[in-house]
Amino acid sequence: MKLRAKLCAAVFALVGAGGANAATYTFQHVTLIDGTGRAPRPDMSVTVTDGRFVSIEPSAITGPPRGKVIEARGKYLIPGLMDIHIHLQGFSRGGKAFTTATRPPPIGEWTVDRKLGEEALGSFLYSGVTTVLDVGNIPQNILPLRADERAGKLLAPHIFATGQLVTYPGSHGTDIAVNVSTWPEAKALLEAQVESQHPDVQKITYDDEGWGARPLIPILPKDLLQHIIEFYNDHGVRTTVHISNESRAREAIYSGVDSLAHTPVQGPLTEEFVKLAAAKQIPMASTMTIGDNYSRVHDHPEYLDQPLYVATMTAAERARLKKIAAEGGETALKSSPALYQRTWRKWMQTQGPILQDNLRRVDAAGGVVAAGTDTSNGASLQRELELLSEAGIPNLEVIKIATFNGARLLGKQEQMGSVEDGKIADAVLLNADPVADINNTKNIALVMKAGEIIDESKLPLAGGPQKRRWPAS
């Protein structure tokens, strides 16, 4: 199993680095914000070849530019953004009713609409997101897309995926999970999951809910949680755990988890937990946008007219959401009855600022916050950056959270996540300074994935065809 994990990593390294015939580019006279947290460096020359950064020097001392020249005077180069908590759209229950009081439908009873998944993946690239981590899906939706992306058959961000998550029967996410209840009996189910799905990071849920508008549910026993974490680590797979409060987060950390799929949201963090997060250097996903969405459509529906949303959402969906806002949200939608309920909206309006402050405190103490949205649209990651900045986190640090820290959560910081020699050449060229205003990360001149400039006109965007932002040369 450990050999398999190493082979998968090797395959990713080859695919992620681009093919042997990848073009050579030199960004000239660019201001470099490399994602490590170092101060911006003006007038730099950054060369990319064979899908990797190979030379990063001041323009004044570099030799003649290599390959195709990208004149970037007055522009800003940042690493490709990462969303390390998504659930890619494109799957449904095939019309079968389901509640937590009944058995989950077998995975084979779900249906897949690949077009929706491809549109969502296109939305990430269009928004400057070059890497995503899907932390809970049905295998027939996410895994073929991951395979095609790595084989170069699909224009999409780098896709990392957990496949099915793991939980206790009736617990959080039970309907798309491998449900386990006893050890060592669970080992056979987990062996089958590893053999068939090859998770990049394994998601486990450890939440009894009972907060917001949610009733209490069964929770995975703590000793079983530890067995599961040890099992995946012994197979060379990192783990991430869904939690919602400090107590469960602490238990997960001491059970050996590698990262937290959320930052505790149920209340203010104690100073002791903030210190623990910094000492353990456990990456934790920010995931503010999912909660922010409950009220944002009511309070500020005009956000739907921003260019990124117009490009990445259908006109019908934007009209549907505006209708909810116009009606005051009193009529719950049959398609998603919980999403716009008054109880959820009011609770998130209260807890959102608390989560923002929790994230600010963890980051200020030296903990590892990584940007994730818990959604399925690239524009949401840009919203996550706004919320991190509004929390009081410096914009230079916000960029690190959305790039290098995401790579740390994946365990890939030596390969990607920053603009440094030898790393995979994922980058976004911006027309304005994101340190001055984080909203400038939306002002995109070009997106590069694994050393190739993305042609936006080829992306299957829900909002329809878009023009190529950087002219072909």
Protein backbone atom coordinates (compact mmCIF):
# COMPACT_ATOMS: atom_id res chain seq x y z
CA MET A 1 0.00 0.00 0.00
CA LYS A 2 2.83 2.40 0.83
CA LEU A 3 4.36 1.62 -2.57
CA ARG A 4 1.03 2.46 -4.24
CA ALA A 5 0.92 5.83 -2.47
CA LYS A 6 4.46 6.59 -3.64
CA LEU A 7 3.58 5.61 -7.20
CA CYS A 8 0.50 7.85 -7.16
CA ALA A 9 2.65 10.74 -5.91
CA ALA A 10 5.16 10.08 -8.68
CA VAL A 11 2.43 10.07 -11.31
CA PHE A 12 1.11 13.39 -9.99
CA ALA A 13 4.59 14.88 -10.08
CA LEU A 14 4.93 13.95 -13.76
CA VAL A 15 1.45 15.11 -14.74
CA GLY A 16 1.61 18.27 -12.64
CA ALA A 17 4.92 19.29 -14.12
CA GLY A 18 3.59 19.36 -17.67
CA GLY A 19 4.80 17.38 -20.65
CA ALA A 20 8.32 17.29 -22.02
CA ASN A 21 7.26 19.64 -24.83
CA ALA A 22 5.74 22.28 -22.52
CA ALA A 23 6.48 25.83 -23.65
CA THR A 24 9.05 28.11 -22.06
CA TYR A 25 7.86 31.51 -20.83
CA THR A 26 9.55 34.43 -19.11
CA PHE A 27 7.56 36.97 -17.11
CA GLN A 28 9.56 40.20 -17.40
CA HIS A 29 9.55 43.21 -15.06
CA VAL A 30 6.82 41.71 -12.85
CA THR A 31 6.18 42.35 -9.16
CA LEU A 32 6.44 38.92 -7.56
CA ILE A 33 4.34 37.90 -4.55
CA ASP A 34 5.63 34.37 -4.13
CA GLY A 35 3.08 33.00 -1.61
CA THR A 36 5.54 32.35 1.21
CA GLY A 37 4.64 35.53 3.07
CA ARG A 38 7.79 37.33 1.95
CA ALA A 39 7.39 40.95 0.92
CA PRO A 40 6.59 41.64 -2.75
CA ARG A 41 9.67 41.90 -4.99
CA PRO A 42 9.36 44.45 -7.81
CA ASP A 43 10.92 44.21 -11.27
CA MET A 44 11.54 40.46 -11.26
CA SER A 45 12.10 38.02 -14.11
CA VAL A 46 10.42 34.61 -13.67
CA THR A 47 11.12 31.82 -16.16
CA VAL A 48 8.97 28.72 -16.62
CA THR A 49 9.97 25.65 -18.60
CA ASP A 50 8.73 22.06 -18.70
CA GLY A 51 5.94 23.09 -16.39
CA ARG A 52 8.14 24.35 -13.55
CA PHE A 53 9.64 27.59 -12.30
CA VAL A 54 13.34 27.42 -13.21
CA SER A 55 14.69 30.93 -12.73
CA ILE A 56 13.58 33.76 -10.45
CA GLU A 57 15.88 36.79 -10.54
CA PRO A 58 15.78 40.59 -10.55
CA SER A 59 15.26 41.77 -14.11
CA ALA A 60 18.33 43.98 -13.81
CA ILE A 61 20.72 41.02 -13.53
CA THR A 62 19.05 38.35 -15.61
CA GLY A 63 20.27 37.51 -19.10
CA PRO A 64 18.20 37.57 -22.28
CA PRO A 65 14.68 36.24 -21.64
CA ARG A 66 14.07 32.62 -22.54
CA GLY A 67 11.14 31.37 -24.59
CA LYS A 68 8.01 33.44 -25.05
CA VAL A 69 8.19 36.80 -23.29
CA ILE A 70 5.29 37.95 -21.13
CA GLU A 71 5.79 41.67 -20.65
CA ALA A 72 4.42 42.17 -17.15
CA ARG A 73 5.54 45.64 -16.17
CA GLY A 74 2.95 47.08 -13.77
CA LYS A 75 1.48 43.62 -13.09
CA TYR A 76 1.67 41.22 -10.14
CA LEU A 77 2.45 37.50 -10.18
CA ILE A 78 1.05 35.26 -7.42
CA PRO A 79 0.91 31.46 -7.15
CA GLY A 80 -2.18 29.70 -8.44
CA LEU A 81 -4.93 29.87 -5.83
CA MET A 82 -6.11 26.73 -4.02
CA ASP A 83 -9.51 25.73 -2.68
CA ILE A 84 -8.81 22.84 -0.33
CA HIS A 85 -12.43 22.17 0.66
CA ILE A 86 -14.91 21.66 -2.16
CA HIS A 87 -17.71 19.21 -2.98
CA LEU A 88 -17.85 19.16 -6.75
CA GLN A 89 -21.37 19.40 -8.12
CA GLY A 90 -22.79 16.94 -10.63
CA PHE A 91 -24.34 14.17 -8.55
CA SER A 92 -27.84 13.61 -7.16
CA ARG A 93 -29.88 10.93 -5.49
CA GLY A 94 -31.69 9.94 -8.68
CA GLY A 95 -35.07 11.03 -7.34
CA LYS A 96 -34.99 8.64 -4.39
CA ALA A 97 -36.12 10.06 -1.05
CA PHE A 98 -33.59 9.94 1.76
CA THR A 99 -33.44 11.00 5.39
CA THR A 100 -31.01 10.14 8.13
CA ALA A 101 -33.78 7.99 9.62
CA THR A 102 -33.58 5.62 6.65
CA ARG A 103 -30.69 3.76 5.09
CA PRO A 104 -28.41 5.75 2.80
CA PRO A 105 -29.00 4.91 -0.86
CA PRO A 106 -26.28 2.66 -2.28
CA ILE A 107 -23.69 4.60 -4.25
CA GLY A 108 -24.98 2.91 -7.42
CA GLU A 109 -28.38 4.58 -6.97
CA TRP A 110 -26.94 8.07 -7.36
CA THR A 111 -26.86 9.75 -10.75
CA VAL A 112 -24.11 11.84 -12.33
CA ASP A 113 -24.26 14.81 -14.70
CA ARG A 114 -20.67 15.19 -15.89
CA LYS A 115 -21.42 18.47 -17.65
CA LEU A 116 -22.17 20.15 -14.30
CA GLY A 117 -18.89 18.92 -12.87
CA GLU A 118 -16.92 20.16 -15.86
CA GLU A 119 -18.61 23.57 -15.64
CA ALA A 120 -17.67 23.84 -11.98
CA LEU A 121 -14.06 22.87 -12.68
CA GLY A 122 -13.95 25.49 -15.42
CA SER A 123 -15.21 28.09 -12.95
CA PHE A 124 -12.22 27.45 -10.71
CA LEU A 125 -9.65 27.98 -13.44
CA TYR A 126 -11.49 31.08 -14.65
CA SER A 127 -11.29 32.47 -11.10
CA GLY A 128 -7.56 31.81 -10.75
CA VAL A 129 -7.88 28.56 -8.78
CA THR A 130 -5.41 26.00 -10.11
CA THR A 131 -5.79 23.34 -7.39
CA VAL A 132 -8.85 21.90 -5.64
CA LEU A 133 -9.35 19.25 -2.97
CA ASP A 134 -12.72 17.51 -3.06
CA VAL A 135 -13.42 16.25 0.46
CA GLY A 136 -16.53 14.16 -0.02
CA ASN A 137 -18.28 12.97 -3.14
CA ILE A 138 -19.52 9.87 -4.86
CA PRO A 139 -16.72 8.04 -6.67
CA GLN A 140 -18.41 7.89 -10.08
CA ASN A 141 -18.61 11.71 -10.10
CA ILE A 142 -15.21 12.89 -8.94
CA LEU A 143 -12.83 10.03 -9.74
CA PRO A 144 -13.25 9.92 -13.56
CA LEU A 145 -12.73 13.68 -13.64
CA ARG A 146 -9.57 13.34 -11.53
CA ALA A 147 -8.28 10.62 -13.85
CA ASP A 148 -8.97 12.65 -16.98
CA GLU A 149 -7.36 15.78 -15.54
CA ARG A 150 -4.20 13.88 -14.66
CA ALA A 151 -4.12 12.24 -18.09
CA GLY A 152 -4.32 15.65 -19.76
CA LYS A 153 -7.77 14.92 -21.21
CA LEU A 154 -9.63 17.59 -19.23
CA LEU A 155 -8.99 21.32 -18.87
CA ALA A 156 -9.34 21.65 -15.10
CA PRO A 157 -7.41 22.54 -11.96
CA HIS A 158 -5.20 19.91 -10.35
CA ILE A 159 -7.79 17.65 -8.73
CA PHE A 160 -7.12 16.01 -5.38
CA ALA A 161 -9.94 13.94 -3.95
CA THR A 162 -10.97 11.84 -0.99
CA GLY A 163 -13.61 9.92 -2.95
CA GLN A 164 -16.11 8.71 -0.37
CA LEU A 165 -15.67 10.10 3.10
CA VAL A 166 -15.70 7.82 6.16
CA THR A 167 -18.09 8.11 9.08
CA TYR A 168 -20.33 6.31 11.57
CA PRO A 169 -23.81 5.14 10.47
CA GLY A 170 -26.26 8.05 10.68
CA SER A 171 -23.52 10.61 11.34
CA HIS A 172 -22.55 13.67 9.29
CA GLY A 173 -22.29 12.81 5.60
CA THR A 174 -23.56 9.26 6.08
CA ASP A 175 -25.31 9.23 2.69
CA ILE A 176 -22.08 9.51 0.67
CA ALA A 177 -19.78 7.76 3.13
CA VAL A 178 -18.19 4.45 3.83
CA ASN A 179 -20.10 3.81 7.08
CA VAL A 180 -18.10 1.91 9.72
CA SER A 181 -19.10 0.99 13.27
CA THR A 182 -16.59 -1.46 14.80
CA TRP A 183 -12.89 -2.28 14.65
CA PRO A 184 -11.23 -4.39 13.27
CA GLU A 185 -14.32 -5.31 11.23
CA ALA A 186 -14.10 -1.91 9.48
CA LYS A 187 -10.68 -2.69 7.99
CA ALA A 188 -12.12 -4.69 5.08
CA LEU A 189 -14.36 -1.78 4.03
CA LEU A 190 -11.49 0.69 4.26
CA GLU A 191 -9.14 -1.61 2.35
CA ALA A 192 -11.70 -1.77 -0.45
CA GLN A 193 -12.05 2.02 -0.46
CA VAL A 194 -8.28 2.54 -0.71
CA GLU A 195 -7.92 -0.10 -3.43
CA SER A 196 -10.72 1.28 -5.60
CA GLN A 197 -10.59 5.04 -4.95
CA HIS A 198 -6.94 5.84 -4.10
CA PRO A 199 -7.75 8.87 -1.90
CA ASP A 200 -5.23 11.70 -1.97
CA VAL A 201 -6.42 12.89 1.45
CA GLN A 202 -9.01 10.92 3.42
CA LYS A 203 -11.94 12.84 4.93
CA ILE A 204 -13.52 11.56 8.17
CA THR A 205 -16.48 13.21 9.90
CA TYR A 206 -16.52 13.65 13.68
CA ASP A 207 -19.51 15.80 14.54
CA ASP A 208 -22.62 15.21 16.64
CA GLU A 209 -24.12 18.49 15.36
CA GLY A 210 -26.83 19.92 17.64
CA TRP A 211 -25.93 23.46 16.61
CA GLY A 212 -27.48 26.11 14.40
CA ALA A 213 -30.65 24.58 12.95
CA ARG A 214 -29.35 20.99 13.22
CA PRO A 215 -30.57 18.33 15.68
CA LEU A 216 -28.17 15.97 17.43
CA ILE A 217 -27.00 12.93 15.45
CA PRO A 218 -24.82 9.88 16.16
CA ILE A 219 -21.07 10.47 16.27
CA LEU A 220 -18.10 8.30 15.43
CA PRO A 221 -16.62 6.81 18.64
CA LYS A 222 -13.27 8.39 19.48
CA ASP A 223 -11.36 5.09 19.61
CA LEU A 224 -12.71 4.20 16.16
CA LEU A 225 -11.63 7.63 14.87
CA GLN A 226 -8.07 6.92 15.99
CA HIS A 227 -8.06 3.48 14.34
CA ILE A 228 -9.25 5.02 11.06
CA ILE A 229 -6.59 7.75 11.13
CA GLU A 230 -3.86 5.21 11.85
CA PHE A 231 -5.15 2.94 9.07
CA TYR A 232 -4.93 5.64 6.39
CA ASN A 233 -1.58 6.97 7.60
CA ASP A 234 -0.20 3.41 7.50
CA HIS A 235 -1.32 3.33 3.86
CA GLY A 236 0.51 6.58 3.08
CA VAL A 237 -2.64 8.73 3.02
CA ARG A 238 -3.08 11.97 4.94
CA THR A 239 -6.33 12.56 6.84
CA THR A 240 -8.64 15.50 7.37
CA VAL A 241 -11.52 15.56 9.86
CA HIS A 242 -14.83 17.42 9.74
CA ILE A 243 -15.47 19.07 13.11
CA SER A 244 -17.52 22.08 14.17
CA ASN A 245 -16.49 22.78 17.76
CA GLU A 246 -13.30 23.13 19.74
CA SER A 247 -13.82 20.03 21.87
CA ARG A 248 -14.11 17.68 18.89
CA ALA A 249 -11.25 19.46 17.13
CA ARG A 250 -9.00 18.90 20.14
CA GLU A 251 -9.97 15.21 20.28
CA ALA A 252 -9.27 14.82 16.56
CA ILE A 253 -5.86 16.46 16.87
CA TYR A 254 -4.84 14.18 19.73
CA SER A 255 -6.15 11.20 17.74
CA GLY A 256 -3.46 11.98 15.17
CA VAL A 257 -5.32 13.75 12.37
CA ASP A 258 -3.22 15.60 9.78
CA SER A 259 -5.61 18.53 9.22
CA LEU A 260 -9.02 19.93 10.10
CA ALA A 261 -11.59 20.26 7.30
CA HIS A 262 -13.07 23.28 9.11
CA THR A 263 -12.08 25.77 11.78
CA PRO A 264 -14.35 25.48 14.85
CA VAL A 265 -17.43 27.65 14.28
CA GLN A 266 -19.68 27.01 17.28
CA GLY A 267 -18.13 29.66 19.50
CA PRO A 268 -15.01 31.69 20.30
CA LEU A 269 -11.86 29.61 20.59
CA THR A 270 -10.12 29.43 23.94
CA GLU A 271 -6.63 30.84 24.13
CA GLU A 272 -5.41 27.34 24.95
CA PHE A 273 -6.74 25.94 21.68
CA VAL A 274 -5.19 28.81 19.70
CA LYS A 275 -1.84 27.94 21.26
CA LEU A 276 -2.41 24.24 20.55
CA ALA A 277 -3.12 24.96 16.88
CA ALA A 278 0.11 26.95 16.60
CA ALA A 279 2.18 24.37 18.46
CA LYS A 280 0.89 21.41 16.46
CA GLN A 281 0.93 23.26 13.11
CA ILE A 282 -2.25 21.46 12.11
CA PRO A 283 -3.60 23.05 8.91
CA MET A 284 -7.28 23.97 9.16
CA ALA A 285 -9.60 25.05 6.37
CA SER A 286 -11.26 28.45 6.65
CA THR A 287 -14.67 27.56 5.05
CA MET A 288 -16.46 30.85 5.73
CA THR A 289 -18.16 31.21 2.35
CA ILE A 290 -20.56 28.31 2.85
CA GLY A 291 -22.03 30.03 5.92
CA ASP A 292 -21.80 33.51 4.43
CA ASN A 293 -23.91 32.35 1.48
CA TYR A 294 -26.93 31.79 3.71
CA SER A 295 -27.36 35.50 4.29
CA ARG A 296 -25.44 37.12 1.46
CA VAL A 297 -28.07 36.37 -1.17
CA HIS A 298 -30.64 38.21 0.98
CA ASP A 299 -28.51 41.11 2.15
CA HIS A 300 -26.42 41.78 -0.96
CA PRO A 301 -27.90 40.04 -4.03
CA GLU A 302 -25.98 42.51 -6.21
CA TYR A 303 -22.89 40.34 -5.77
CA LEU A 304 -24.40 38.06 -8.41
CA ASP A 305 -23.70 40.73 -11.03
CA GLN A 306 -19.94 40.64 -10.46
CA PRO A 307 -18.11 39.45 -13.59
CA LEU A 308 -16.88 36.19 -12.05
CA TYR A 309 -20.42 35.14 -11.12
CA VAL A 310 -21.83 36.19 -14.49
CA ALA A 311 -19.23 34.03 -16.22
CA THR A 312 -19.49 31.00 -13.95
CA MET A 313 -23.22 30.75 -13.19
CA THR A 314 -26.17 30.38 -15.54
CA ALA A 315 -28.42 33.39 -15.98
CA ALA A 316 -31.31 31.25 -14.75
CA GLU A 317 -29.54 30.39 -11.50
CA ARG A 318 -28.64 34.00 -10.82
CA ALA A 319 -32.26 35.01 -11.49
CA ARG A 320 -33.49 32.28 -9.15
CA LEU A 321 -31.28 33.55 -6.33
CA LYS A 322 -32.33 37.16 -6.92
CA LYS A 323 -35.95 36.06 -6.72
CA ILE A 324 -35.28 34.57 -3.29
CA ALA A 325 -33.81 37.89 -2.18
CA ALA A 326 -36.77 39.84 -3.58
CA GLU A 327 -39.24 37.61 -1.75
CA GLY A 328 -37.33 37.95 1.51
CA GLY A 329 -36.46 34.28 1.56
CA GLU A 330 -39.65 33.29 3.35
CA THR A 331 -40.45 30.60 0.80
CA ALA A 332 -38.03 27.69 1.09
CA LEU A 333 -37.03 26.11 -2.20
CA LYS A 334 -38.01 22.53 -2.80
CA SER A 335 -34.61 21.88 -4.37
CA SER A 336 -32.69 22.99 -1.27
CA PRO A 337 -35.15 23.62 1.60
CA ALA A 338 -32.53 24.22 4.30
CA LEU A 339 -30.35 26.67 2.43
CA TYR A 340 -32.38 29.81 2.88
CA GLN A 341 -34.30 29.07 6.06
CA ARG A 342 -34.55 31.96 8.48
CA THR A 343 -32.99 29.91 11.30
CA TRP A 344 -29.84 29.13 9.35
CA ARG A 345 -29.57 32.67 8.06
CA LYS A 346 -29.86 34.24 11.49
CA TRP A 347 -27.47 31.77 13.07
CA MET A 348 -24.80 32.30 10.42
CA GLN A 349 -25.15 36.07 10.64
CA THR A 350 -24.22 35.72 14.31
CA GLN A 351 -21.54 33.05 14.01
CA GLY A 352 -19.83 34.36 10.86
CA PRO A 353 -17.95 37.15 12.69
CA ILE A 354 -16.99 34.69 15.45
CA LEU A 355 -15.47 32.33 12.87
CA GLN A 356 -13.63 35.24 11.28
CA ASP A 357 -12.13 36.17 14.64
CA ASN A 358 -11.19 32.54 15.34
CA LEU A 359 -9.30 32.43 12.05
CA ARG A 360 -7.59 35.76 12.69
CA ARG A 361 -6.41 34.60 16.11
CA VAL A 362 -5.13 31.23 14.88
CA ASP A 363 -3.21 32.91 12.06
CA ALA A 364 -1.79 35.64 14.32
CA ALA A 365 -0.53 32.98 16.75
CA GLY A 366 1.36 31.21 13.97
CA GLY A 367 -1.20 28.50 13.20
CA VAL A 368 -1.82 27.24 9.68
CA VAL A 369 -5.05 28.48 8.09
CA ALA A 370 -5.74 27.27 4.53
CA ALA A 371 -8.40 28.67 2.22
CA GLY A 372 -11.42 26.49 1.51
CA THR A 373 -15.03 27.32 0.70
CA ASP A 374 -17.12 24.13 1.08
CA THR A 375 -18.75 25.06 -2.24
CA SER A 376 -18.46 24.18 -5.94
CA ASN A 377 -17.68 27.45 -7.72
CA GLY A 378 -14.39 29.23 -8.25
CA ALA A 379 -15.84 32.66 -7.54
CA SER A 380 -16.50 31.46 -3.97
CA LEU A 381 -12.76 31.22 -3.33
CA GLN A 382 -12.45 34.90 -4.23
CA ARG A 383 -15.19 35.60 -1.67
CA GLU A 384 -13.24 33.57 0.90
CA LEU A 385 -10.27 35.89 0.38
CA GLU A 386 -12.50 38.92 0.96
CA LEU A 387 -13.77 37.44 4.23
CA LEU A 388 -10.25 36.59 5.41
CA SER A 389 -9.16 40.16 4.69
CA GLU A 390 -12.25 41.56 6.42
CA ALA A 391 -11.32 39.45 9.45
CA GLY A 392 -8.22 41.62 9.89
CA ILE A 393 -5.68 39.23 8.38
CA PRO A 394 -3.10 41.18 6.32
CA ASN A 395 -3.57 40.74 2.58
CA LEU A 396 -0.05 39.38 2.09
CA GLU A 397 -0.91 36.67 4.62
CA VAL A 398 -4.27 36.04 2.93
CA ILE A 399 -2.40 35.21 -0.28
CA LYS A 400 -0.20 32.76 1.65
CA ILE A 401 -3.33 31.19 3.17
CA ALA A 402 -4.79 30.69 -0.33
CA THR A 403 -1.61 29.24 -1.84
CA PHE A 404 1.28 27.90 0.23
CA ASN A 405 -0.86 26.93 3.22
CA GLY A 406 -3.18 24.98 0.95
CA ALA A 407 -0.17 23.02 -0.28
CA ARG A 408 0.77 22.36 3.34
CA LEU A 409 -2.65 20.89 4.04
CA LEU A 410 -2.15 18.58 1.05
CA GLY A 411 1.37 17.69 2.16
CA LYS A 412 2.61 19.03 -1.21
CA GLN A 413 4.44 22.18 -0.11
CA GLU A 414 7.72 20.93 -1.59
CA GLN A 415 6.09 20.59 -5.02
CA MET A 416 3.60 23.44 -5.32
CA GLY A 417 1.94 26.39 -3.61
CA SER A 418 4.56 29.09 -4.12
CA VAL A 419 6.60 30.69 -6.90
CA GLU A 420 9.98 29.12 -6.15
CA ASP A 421 12.65 27.33 -8.16
CA GLY A 422 11.69 23.80 -9.13
CA LYS A 423 8.04 23.99 -8.14
CA ILE A 424 5.10 23.32 -10.44
CA ALA A 425 4.40 26.49 -12.40
CA ASP A 426 0.88 27.36 -11.26
CA ALA A 427 0.42 31.12 -11.26
CA VAL A 428 -1.98 34.02 -11.71
CA LEU A 429 -0.91 37.29 -13.30
CA LEU A 430 -2.90 40.22 -11.91
CA ASN A 431 -3.45 43.69 -13.34
CA ALA A 432 -3.45 45.38 -9.93
CA ASP A 433 -1.83 44.99 -6.51
CA PRO A 434 -3.58 42.41 -4.28
CA VAL A 435 -1.65 43.55 -1.22
CA ALA A 436 -3.20 47.00 -1.55
CA ASP A 437 -6.69 45.50 -2.04
CA ILE A 438 -7.45 41.77 -1.90
CA ASN A 439 -10.25 42.32 -4.44
CA ASN A 440 -7.51 42.84 -7.01
CA THR A 441 -7.08 39.04 -7.08
CA LYS A 442 -10.21 39.14 -9.28
CA ASN A 443 -8.47 41.42 -11.80
CA ILE A 444 -6.86 38.58 -13.71
CA ALA A 445 -4.61 39.03 -16.74
CA LEU A 446 -3.83 35.33 -17.17
CA VAL A 447 -3.93 32.00 -15.38
CA MET A 448 -1.14 29.46 -15.76
CA LYS A 449 -1.44 25.81 -14.75
CA ALA A 450 1.62 23.54 -14.87
CA GLY A 451 3.43 25.95 -17.16
CA GLU A 452 0.66 26.43 -19.71
CA ILE A 453 -1.46 29.57 -20.11
CA ILE A 454 -5.17 28.82 -19.81
CA ASP A 455 -7.28 29.72 -22.83
CA GLU A 456 -10.52 30.85 -21.18
CA SER A 457 -12.41 30.57 -24.46
CA LYS A 458 -12.05 26.78 -24.16
CA LEU A 459 -13.52 26.54 -20.66
CA PRO A 460 -17.05 25.05 -20.43
CA LEU A 461 -18.40 27.83 -18.25
CA ALA A 462 -22.02 27.86 -17.07
CA GLY A 463 -22.33 31.54 -17.97
CA GLY A 464 -21.40 30.84 -21.58
CA PRO A 465 -18.23 31.27 -23.65
CA GLN A 466 -15.77 33.89 -22.48
CA LYS A 467 -13.01 35.70 -24.34
CA ARG A 468 -9.40 34.70 -23.87
CA ARG A 469 -7.89 37.16 -21.41
CA TRP A 470 -4.24 36.89 -22.54
CA PRO A 471 -3.68 37.04 -26.29
CA ALA A 472 -2.22 33.96 -27.93
CA SER A 473 1.31 34.35 -29.20
